[in-house]
Amino acid sequence: MERVEITEAATKVVRQLQQKHGPLLFHLSGGCCDGSSPMVLEEEDFYIDESDVLLGVVAGLNFYMNQDQYEYWKHTHLTIDVTKGRGSSFSLEIPLGLRFIIHSRLLDEKESKMLL
């Protein structure tokens, strides 16, 4: 059981970004600048610390969430997708006229027992 997944369309964008930028990661901060949207950032440009929770790996990228955000989202399954439009974040897909989004659903009882 995975807590976070990614669509094929979003995976294609990740691959394109990896070719241009190298090693990447996903982060969901909950802060300003579209903080409720997942951001893809260069690994070397983002500091991960004890306040970040590793939710899983999607398209070969670690997906982190700030611990405060995790408290709100811990009962959900997340699917990373991509849509047309510009977000107001520092995420690397923004210049492509795209932005990553999250589709979420509550974990069912069985999933909750496995993950929580």
N, C-alpha and C. Protein backbone atom coordinates (compact mmCIF):
# COMPACT_ATOMS: atom_id res chain seq x y z
N MET A 1 0.85 -1.19 0.00
CA MET A 1 0.00 0.00 0.00
C MET A 1 0.88 1.23 0.00
N GLU A 2 0.70 2.04 -1.00
CA GLU A 2 1.44 3.29 -1.10
C GLU A 2 0.55 4.44 -0.64
N ARG A 3 1.14 5.39 0.02
CA ARG A 3 0.40 6.57 0.49
C ARG A 3 0.27 7.62 -0.60
N VAL A 4 1.22 7.61 -1.54
CA VAL A 4 1.22 8.61 -2.61
C VAL A 4 1.57 7.92 -3.93
N GLU A 5 0.86 8.33 -4.99
CA GLU A 5 1.06 7.80 -6.34
C GLU A 5 1.15 8.97 -7.31
N ILE A 6 1.43 8.67 -8.58
CA ILE A 6 1.55 9.70 -9.59
C ILE A 6 0.93 9.20 -10.89
N THR A 7 0.30 10.10 -11.62
CA THR A 7 -0.31 9.72 -12.89
C THR A 7 0.76 9.61 -13.97
N GLU A 8 0.40 8.96 -15.06
CA GLU A 8 1.31 8.83 -16.19
C GLU A 8 1.65 10.19 -16.78
N ALA A 9 0.66 11.08 -16.89
CA ALA A 9 0.90 12.42 -17.43
C ALA A 9 1.89 13.19 -16.57
N ALA A 10 1.74 13.11 -15.25
CA ALA A 10 2.66 13.80 -14.35
C ALA A 10 4.05 13.17 -14.42
N THR A 11 4.12 11.86 -14.57
CA THR A 11 5.41 11.18 -14.70
C THR A 11 6.16 11.68 -15.93
N LYS A 12 5.46 11.88 -17.02
CA LYS A 12 6.11 12.39 -18.24
C LYS A 12 6.72 13.77 -18.01
N VAL A 13 6.02 14.62 -17.28
CA VAL A 13 6.55 15.96 -16.98
C VAL A 13 7.77 15.83 -16.06
N VAL A 14 7.71 14.95 -15.08
CA VAL A 14 8.85 14.72 -14.19
C VAL A 14 10.07 14.30 -15.01
N ARG A 15 9.90 13.38 -15.95
CA ARG A 15 11.02 12.91 -16.78
C ARG A 15 11.62 14.07 -17.58
N GLN A 16 10.77 14.90 -18.13
CA GLN A 16 11.23 16.07 -18.88
C GLN A 16 12.04 17.00 -17.98
N LEU A 17 11.57 17.23 -16.78
CA LEU A 17 12.27 18.11 -15.84
C LEU A 17 13.59 17.50 -15.37
N GLN A 18 13.61 16.18 -15.19
CA GLN A 18 14.85 15.52 -14.79
C GLN A 18 15.93 15.67 -15.85
N GLN A 19 15.53 15.58 -17.11
CA GLN A 19 16.50 15.73 -18.20
C GLN A 19 17.15 17.11 -18.18
N LYS A 20 16.37 18.10 -17.82
CA LYS A 20 16.87 19.47 -17.81
C LYS A 20 17.60 19.82 -16.52
N HIS A 21 17.08 19.36 -15.37
CA HIS A 21 17.56 19.83 -14.07
C HIS A 21 18.33 18.80 -13.25
N GLY A 22 18.30 17.53 -13.62
CA GLY A 22 18.98 16.51 -12.83
C GLY A 22 18.13 16.00 -11.69
N PRO A 23 18.76 15.58 -10.58
CA PRO A 23 18.02 14.99 -9.45
C PRO A 23 17.01 15.98 -8.83
N LEU A 24 15.79 15.47 -8.62
CA LEU A 24 14.68 16.30 -8.14
C LEU A 24 14.02 15.65 -6.94
N LEU A 25 13.14 16.41 -6.29
CA LEU A 25 12.28 15.90 -5.23
C LEU A 25 10.95 16.64 -5.27
N PHE A 26 9.94 16.02 -4.69
CA PHE A 26 8.64 16.67 -4.48
C PHE A 26 8.57 17.13 -3.03
N HIS A 27 7.94 18.30 -2.82
CA HIS A 27 7.71 18.78 -1.46
C HIS A 27 6.37 19.48 -1.40
N LEU A 28 5.65 19.24 -0.31
CA LEU A 28 4.38 19.92 -0.04
C LEU A 28 4.53 20.61 1.31
N SER A 29 4.60 21.93 1.27
CA SER A 29 4.92 22.66 2.50
C SER A 29 3.70 23.14 3.26
N GLY A 30 2.68 23.57 2.54
CA GLY A 30 1.54 24.17 3.20
C GLY A 30 1.74 25.65 3.47
N GLY A 31 2.86 26.18 3.04
CA GLY A 31 3.15 27.60 3.27
C GLY A 31 2.60 28.47 2.17
N CYS A 32 3.24 29.60 1.96
CA CYS A 32 2.81 30.55 0.94
C CYS A 32 3.11 30.01 -0.46
N CYS A 33 2.78 30.78 -1.46
CA CYS A 33 3.14 30.46 -2.85
C CYS A 33 2.60 29.11 -3.27
N ASP A 34 1.31 28.93 -3.23
CA ASP A 34 0.70 27.65 -3.62
C ASP A 34 1.17 26.50 -2.75
N GLY A 35 1.35 26.74 -1.47
CA GLY A 35 1.88 25.74 -0.56
C GLY A 35 1.05 24.47 -0.46
N SER A 36 -0.20 24.51 -0.92
CA SER A 36 -1.01 23.29 -0.91
C SER A 36 -0.85 22.50 -2.20
N SER A 37 -0.01 22.98 -3.10
CA SER A 37 0.31 22.26 -4.34
C SER A 37 1.68 21.62 -4.20
N PRO A 38 1.83 20.42 -4.74
CA PRO A 38 3.15 19.79 -4.67
C PRO A 38 4.13 20.54 -5.56
N MET A 39 5.32 20.77 -5.03
CA MET A 39 6.35 21.45 -5.81
C MET A 39 7.45 20.46 -6.13
N VAL A 40 7.96 20.54 -7.35
CA VAL A 40 9.12 19.74 -7.74
C VAL A 40 10.31 20.69 -7.77
N LEU A 41 11.36 20.30 -7.06
CA LEU A 41 12.52 21.17 -6.88
C LEU A 41 13.79 20.36 -7.10
N GLU A 42 14.86 21.06 -7.42
CA GLU A 42 16.15 20.39 -7.53
C GLU A 42 16.58 19.94 -6.14
N GLU A 43 17.05 18.69 -6.03
CA GLU A 43 17.45 18.15 -4.73
C GLU A 43 18.45 19.05 -4.01
N GLU A 44 19.42 19.56 -4.74
CA GLU A 44 20.47 20.36 -4.10
C GLU A 44 20.01 21.74 -3.66
N ASP A 45 18.84 22.17 -4.14
CA ASP A 45 18.34 23.50 -3.79
C ASP A 45 17.35 23.51 -2.63
N PHE A 46 17.06 22.33 -2.07
CA PHE A 46 16.05 22.28 -1.02
C PHE A 46 16.58 21.52 0.17
N TYR A 47 16.49 22.11 1.34
CA TYR A 47 16.98 21.51 2.58
C TYR A 47 15.86 20.73 3.25
N ILE A 48 16.07 19.43 3.39
CA ILE A 48 15.13 18.56 4.10
C ILE A 48 15.64 18.42 5.53
N ASP A 49 14.74 18.58 6.51
CA ASP A 49 15.15 18.42 7.91
C ASP A 49 14.13 17.57 8.67
N GLU A 50 14.25 17.54 9.98
CA GLU A 50 13.39 16.69 10.81
C GLU A 50 11.92 17.10 10.79
N SER A 51 11.61 18.27 10.25
CA SER A 51 10.22 18.69 10.16
C SER A 51 9.54 18.20 8.88
N ASP A 52 10.27 17.46 8.05
CA ASP A 52 9.73 16.93 6.80
C ASP A 52 9.52 15.43 6.92
N VAL A 53 8.36 14.96 6.43
CA VAL A 53 8.00 13.55 6.48
C VAL A 53 8.09 12.98 5.06
N LEU A 54 8.81 11.87 4.91
CA LEU A 54 8.89 11.20 3.61
C LEU A 54 7.65 10.32 3.47
N LEU A 55 6.78 10.67 2.51
CA LEU A 55 5.55 9.90 2.30
C LEU A 55 5.75 8.72 1.37
N GLY A 56 6.72 8.82 0.48
CA GLY A 56 6.94 7.75 -0.48
C GLY A 56 7.80 8.24 -1.63
N VAL A 57 7.88 7.38 -2.65
CA VAL A 57 8.65 7.69 -3.85
C VAL A 57 7.70 7.59 -5.04
N VAL A 58 7.68 8.65 -5.86
CA VAL A 58 6.85 8.67 -7.06
C VAL A 58 7.72 9.05 -8.25
N ALA A 59 7.63 8.27 -9.32
CA ALA A 59 8.42 8.51 -10.53
C ALA A 59 9.91 8.64 -10.18
N GLY A 60 10.34 7.90 -9.15
CA GLY A 60 11.73 7.93 -8.73
C GLY A 60 12.12 9.11 -7.86
N LEU A 61 11.17 9.98 -7.52
CA LEU A 61 11.44 11.15 -6.69
C LEU A 61 10.86 10.94 -5.29
N ASN A 62 11.65 11.28 -4.28
CA ASN A 62 11.12 11.29 -2.92
C ASN A 62 10.05 12.37 -2.82
N PHE A 63 8.97 12.03 -2.12
CA PHE A 63 7.88 12.98 -1.89
C PHE A 63 7.82 13.28 -0.40
N TYR A 64 8.13 14.54 -0.07
CA TYR A 64 8.15 14.99 1.33
C TYR A 64 6.99 15.94 1.59
N MET A 65 6.57 15.93 2.84
CA MET A 65 5.53 16.85 3.29
C MET A 65 5.97 17.40 4.65
N ASN A 66 5.75 18.69 4.84
CA ASN A 66 6.04 19.28 6.13
C ASN A 66 5.20 18.59 7.20
N GLN A 67 5.79 18.38 8.36
CA GLN A 67 5.13 17.66 9.45
C GLN A 67 3.78 18.28 9.84
N ASP A 68 3.69 19.60 9.84
CA ASP A 68 2.42 20.25 10.17
C ASP A 68 1.35 19.91 9.14
N GLN A 69 1.73 19.91 7.86
CA GLN A 69 0.80 19.53 6.80
C GLN A 69 0.41 18.07 6.93
N TYR A 70 1.39 17.24 7.28
CA TYR A 70 1.12 15.81 7.42
C TYR A 70 0.01 15.55 8.43
N GLU A 71 -0.06 16.31 9.48
CA GLU A 71 -1.12 16.12 10.48
C GLU A 71 -2.50 16.31 9.86
N TYR A 72 -2.62 17.18 8.87
CA TYR A 72 -3.89 17.39 8.17
C TYR A 72 -4.17 16.30 7.14
N TRP A 73 -3.12 15.79 6.50
CA TRP A 73 -3.25 14.90 5.35
C TRP A 73 -3.04 13.42 5.70
N LYS A 74 -2.69 13.08 6.93
CA LYS A 74 -2.27 11.71 7.23
C LYS A 74 -3.36 10.66 7.03
N HIS A 75 -4.59 11.06 6.94
CA HIS A 75 -5.70 10.12 6.72
C HIS A 75 -6.10 10.02 5.26
N THR A 76 -5.23 10.50 4.36
CA THR A 76 -5.58 10.53 2.94
C THR A 76 -4.55 9.80 2.09
N HIS A 77 -5.02 9.34 0.94
CA HIS A 77 -4.17 8.81 -0.11
C HIS A 77 -4.06 9.92 -1.15
N LEU A 78 -2.85 10.17 -1.63
CA LEU A 78 -2.61 11.27 -2.56
C LEU A 78 -2.20 10.74 -3.93
N THR A 79 -2.72 11.38 -4.97
CA THR A 79 -2.29 11.09 -6.33
C THR A 79 -1.83 12.40 -6.94
N ILE A 80 -0.57 12.43 -7.40
CA ILE A 80 0.00 13.61 -8.03
C ILE A 80 -0.39 13.59 -9.49
N ASP A 81 -0.90 14.71 -9.97
CA ASP A 81 -1.30 14.86 -11.36
C ASP A 81 -0.76 16.19 -11.86
N VAL A 82 -0.98 16.48 -13.12
CA VAL A 82 -0.53 17.73 -13.72
C VAL A 82 -1.70 18.33 -14.49
N THR A 83 -1.75 19.65 -14.54
CA THR A 83 -2.80 20.34 -15.27
C THR A 83 -2.22 21.58 -15.94
N LYS A 84 -2.90 22.06 -16.96
CA LYS A 84 -2.47 23.30 -17.61
C LYS A 84 -2.75 24.47 -16.69
N GLY A 85 -1.91 25.47 -16.79
CA GLY A 85 -2.09 26.67 -15.98
C GLY A 85 -0.86 26.94 -15.15
N ARG A 86 -0.69 28.17 -14.79
CA ARG A 86 0.48 28.57 -14.01
C ARG A 86 0.10 28.69 -12.54
N GLY A 87 0.86 28.05 -11.72
CA GLY A 87 0.73 28.23 -10.28
C GLY A 87 1.59 29.40 -9.87
N SER A 88 1.55 29.72 -8.61
CA SER A 88 2.37 30.84 -8.11
C SER A 88 3.44 30.31 -7.17
N SER A 89 4.10 29.23 -7.58
CA SER A 89 5.12 28.63 -6.74
C SER A 89 6.47 28.67 -7.44
N PHE A 90 7.45 28.09 -6.79
CA PHE A 90 8.80 28.00 -7.34
C PHE A 90 9.03 26.65 -8.01
N SER A 91 7.99 25.89 -8.21
CA SER A 91 8.10 24.56 -8.79
C SER A 91 8.60 24.64 -10.23
N LEU A 92 9.40 23.66 -10.61
CA LEU A 92 10.10 23.70 -11.90
C LEU A 92 9.21 23.56 -13.13
N GLU A 93 8.00 23.06 -12.97
CA GLU A 93 7.12 22.89 -14.14
C GLU A 93 6.41 24.19 -14.53
N ILE A 94 6.43 25.19 -13.70
CA ILE A 94 5.69 26.43 -13.95
C ILE A 94 6.04 27.07 -15.30
N PRO A 95 7.33 27.17 -15.68
CA PRO A 95 7.64 27.77 -16.98
C PRO A 95 7.09 26.99 -18.18
N LEU A 96 6.69 25.74 -17.97
CA LEU A 96 6.10 24.94 -19.04
C LEU A 96 4.61 25.25 -19.23
N GLY A 97 4.07 26.13 -18.40
CA GLY A 97 2.63 26.43 -18.46
C GLY A 97 1.80 25.33 -17.82
N LEU A 98 2.42 24.59 -16.90
CA LEU A 98 1.77 23.47 -16.21
C LEU A 98 1.96 23.64 -14.72
N ARG A 99 1.18 22.87 -13.97
CA ARG A 99 1.42 22.81 -12.52
C ARG A 99 0.95 21.47 -12.00
N PHE A 100 1.67 20.99 -11.01
CA PHE A 100 1.29 19.74 -10.36
C PHE A 100 0.16 20.02 -9.39
N ILE A 101 -0.76 19.07 -9.30
CA ILE A 101 -1.88 19.16 -8.37
C ILE A 101 -2.01 17.83 -7.63
N ILE A 102 -2.79 17.84 -6.57
CA ILE A 102 -3.04 16.63 -5.80
C ILE A 102 -4.52 16.29 -5.86
N HIS A 103 -4.79 15.01 -6.13
CA HIS A 103 -6.13 14.45 -5.95
C HIS A 103 -6.02 13.63 -4.67
N SER A 104 -6.96 13.81 -3.77
CA SER A 104 -6.88 13.07 -2.51
C SER A 104 -8.19 12.35 -2.24
N ARG A 105 -8.06 11.30 -1.45
CA ARG A 105 -9.23 10.57 -0.96
C ARG A 105 -8.89 10.06 0.43
N LEU A 106 -9.90 9.89 1.25
CA LEU A 106 -9.67 9.34 2.59
C LEU A 106 -9.25 7.88 2.49
N LEU A 107 -8.35 7.49 3.36
CA LEU A 107 -7.96 6.09 3.45
C LEU A 107 -9.14 5.28 3.95
N ASP A 108 -9.31 4.08 3.41
CA ASP A 108 -10.36 3.22 3.96
C ASP A 108 -9.84 2.58 5.25
N GLU A 109 -10.68 1.83 5.92
CA GLU A 109 -10.33 1.27 7.23
C GLU A 109 -9.11 0.37 7.15
N LYS A 110 -9.05 -0.48 6.15
CA LYS A 110 -7.91 -1.39 5.98
C LYS A 110 -6.62 -0.62 5.73
N GLU A 111 -6.68 0.38 4.86
CA GLU A 111 -5.50 1.19 4.56
C GLU A 111 -5.04 1.95 5.80
N SER A 112 -5.98 2.49 6.56
CA SER A 112 -5.63 3.21 7.77
C SER A 112 -4.88 2.33 8.75
N LYS A 113 -5.32 1.11 8.93
CA LYS A 113 -4.65 0.19 9.84
C LYS A 113 -3.24 -0.11 9.37
N MET A 114 -3.03 -0.19 8.07
CA MET A 114 -1.72 -0.50 7.53
C MET A 114 -0.76 0.70 7.63
N LEU A 115 -1.29 1.91 7.45
CA LEU A 115 -0.42 3.09 7.33
C LEU A 115 -0.32 3.94 8.59
N LEU A 116 -1.29 3.89 9.45
CA LEU A 116 -1.26 4.75 10.64
C LEU A 116 -0.83 4.03 11.88
